[in-house]
Protein backbone atom coordinates (compact mmCIF):
# COMPACT_ATOMS: atom_id res chain seq x y z
CA GLN A 1 -69.87 67.70 -9.49
CA GLY A 2 -68.55 68.05 -5.63
CA GLN A 3 -71.04 69.73 -3.24
CA LEU A 4 -70.80 69.94 0.58
CA VAL A 5 -73.43 70.84 2.28
CA GLU A 6 -73.64 72.17 6.47
CA SER A 7 -75.97 71.45 9.01
CA GLY A 8 -77.27 71.48 12.19
CA GLY A 9 -76.72 75.03 13.51
CA GLY A 10 -79.67 77.29 14.72
CA LEU A 11 -79.68 79.35 18.09
CA VAL A 12 -78.51 78.31 21.41
CA GLN A 13 -78.06 79.43 24.63
CA PRO A 14 -74.73 80.35 26.21
CA GLY A 15 -73.40 77.12 27.72
CA GLY A 16 -75.37 75.26 25.46
CA SER A 17 -73.99 72.81 22.75
CA LEU A 18 -74.65 72.07 18.95
CA ARG A 19 -73.61 69.70 16.00
CA LEU A 20 -73.08 70.87 12.30
CA SER A 21 -72.87 68.52 10.07
CA CYS A 22 -70.87 68.18 6.59
CA ALA A 23 -72.12 66.07 4.16
CA ALA A 24 -70.50 65.83 0.96
CA SER A 25 -72.26 64.63 -2.47
CA GLY A 26 -70.63 63.86 -5.50
CA PHE A 27 -67.47 63.01 -4.09
CA THR A 28 -65.69 60.83 -1.23
CA LEU A 29 -64.16 62.48 1.57
CA ASP A 30 -61.95 59.66 2.77
CA SER A 31 -59.05 61.02 0.60
CA TYR A 32 -59.72 64.61 1.48
CA SER A 33 -58.38 66.64 4.35
CA MET A 34 -61.48 68.31 5.90
CA ALA A 35 -61.62 71.41 8.19
CA TRP A 36 -64.44 73.79 9.61
CA PHE A 37 -63.75 77.67 9.40
CA ARG A 38 -66.46 80.50 10.56
CA GLN A 39 -66.78 84.36 9.80
CA ALA A 40 -68.31 86.50 12.60
CA PRO A 41 -70.08 89.26 11.33
CA GLY A 42 -67.95 92.20 10.43
CA LYS A 43 -64.43 90.21 10.64
CA GLU A 44 -62.20 88.02 8.56
CA ARG A 45 -63.15 84.08 8.07
CA GLU A 46 -61.02 81.93 10.78
CA GLY A 47 -60.07 78.33 10.85
CA VAL A 48 -61.53 76.35 13.50
CA LEU A 49 -60.60 72.68 13.13
CA SER A 50 -58.97 70.02 10.65
CA ILE A 51 -58.62 66.41 10.14
CA SER A 52 -56.73 64.99 7.94
CA SER A 53 -57.48 62.17 5.87
CA SER A 54 -55.69 59.77 7.70
CA GLY A 55 -58.10 61.40 11.12
CA GLY A 56 -54.79 63.64 12.81
CA ILE A 57 -56.74 66.88 13.89
CA SER A 58 -54.98 70.16 14.46
CA TYR A 59 -56.94 73.05 15.79
CA LEU A 60 -56.58 76.39 13.54
CA SER A 61 -57.58 78.65 16.59
CA GLN A 62 -56.92 77.90 20.17
CA SER A 63 -60.44 79.46 21.63
CA MET A 64 -61.83 76.25 20.95
CA LYS A 65 -59.35 74.24 22.35
CA GLY A 66 -61.23 72.17 24.53
CA ARG A 67 -64.90 73.06 23.68
CA PHE A 68 -64.90 71.49 19.86
CA THR A 69 -64.27 68.56 18.40
CA ILE A 70 -64.18 67.64 14.89
CA SER A 71 -64.76 63.70 13.47
CA ARG A 72 -65.70 62.21 10.21
CA ASP A 73 -67.69 59.24 9.20
CA ASN A 74 -66.36 58.19 6.02
CA ALA A 75 -68.99 55.83 5.66
CA LYS A 76 -72.10 58.17 5.65
CA ASN A 77 -69.02 60.38 4.01
CA THR A 78 -69.87 63.03 6.35
CA MET A 79 -68.12 65.61 8.48
CA TYR A 80 -69.01 66.44 12.25
CA LEU A 81 -67.92 69.54 14.38
CA GLN A 82 -69.60 69.00 18.42
CA MET A 83 -69.41 72.33 19.93
CA ASN A 84 -69.73 72.22 23.45
CA SER A 85 -69.84 75.33 26.08
CA LEU A 86 -70.57 77.79 23.48
CA LYS A 87 -70.42 81.60 23.99
CA PRO A 88 -71.92 84.79 22.80
CA ASP A 89 -68.43 84.70 20.90
CA ASP A 90 -68.81 81.84 19.15
CA THR A 91 -72.00 83.69 16.82
CA ALA A 92 -70.93 83.06 13.32
CA VAL A 93 -71.82 81.85 10.03
CA TYR A 94 -69.78 78.06 10.16
CA TYR A 95 -68.30 76.68 6.80
CA CYS A 96 -66.98 73.56 6.16
CA ALA A 97 -63.90 72.58 3.34
CA ALA A 98 -62.78 69.76 2.09
CA HIS A 99 -59.36 70.15 -0.06
CA ARG A 100 -57.50 67.64 -1.95
CA GLY A 101 -53.94 68.40 -4.27
CA PRO A 102 -55.97 70.85 -6.80
CA ASN A 103 -59.55 70.06 -5.92
CA ASN A 104 -61.39 72.34 -2.79
CA TYR A 105 -65.07 72.42 -2.28
CA TRP A 106 -66.81 74.83 0.31
CA GLY A 107 -70.19 74.48 1.59
CA GLN A 108 -72.91 77.43 1.58
CA GLY A 109 -72.68 77.77 5.88
CA THR A 110 -74.56 77.34 8.34
CA GLN A 111 -75.43 80.44 11.35
CA VAL A 112 -74.70 79.62 14.39
CA THR A 113 -76.11 81.89 17.20
CA VAL A 114 -75.22 81.90 20.75
CA SER A 115 -77.24 84.06 22.61
CA SER A 116 -79.30 84.59 25.54
């Protein structure tokens, strides 16, 4: 049974940075499309960034462009989200997801709070 586990969330001041990790177990990431999503209190879940199995990157929301980057390390079976210039509006639970055909996996989420 495949599993995704996010880590790296926490409390950060506005303008700060965090790097989230998404580690896979029970399956290998290299043939999966991967993505980060987030859900703020009282709001719907929204896409952040995606990365294809071949490394193609897409911003799912323009508000993160220039501040967030996505990467994957297939050797470590892990995906990352580097978040810079964080704003209070970035406060949310961040989820990673993996998709390949009928197979879909979601992590349990990690809380990111941006506050002074």
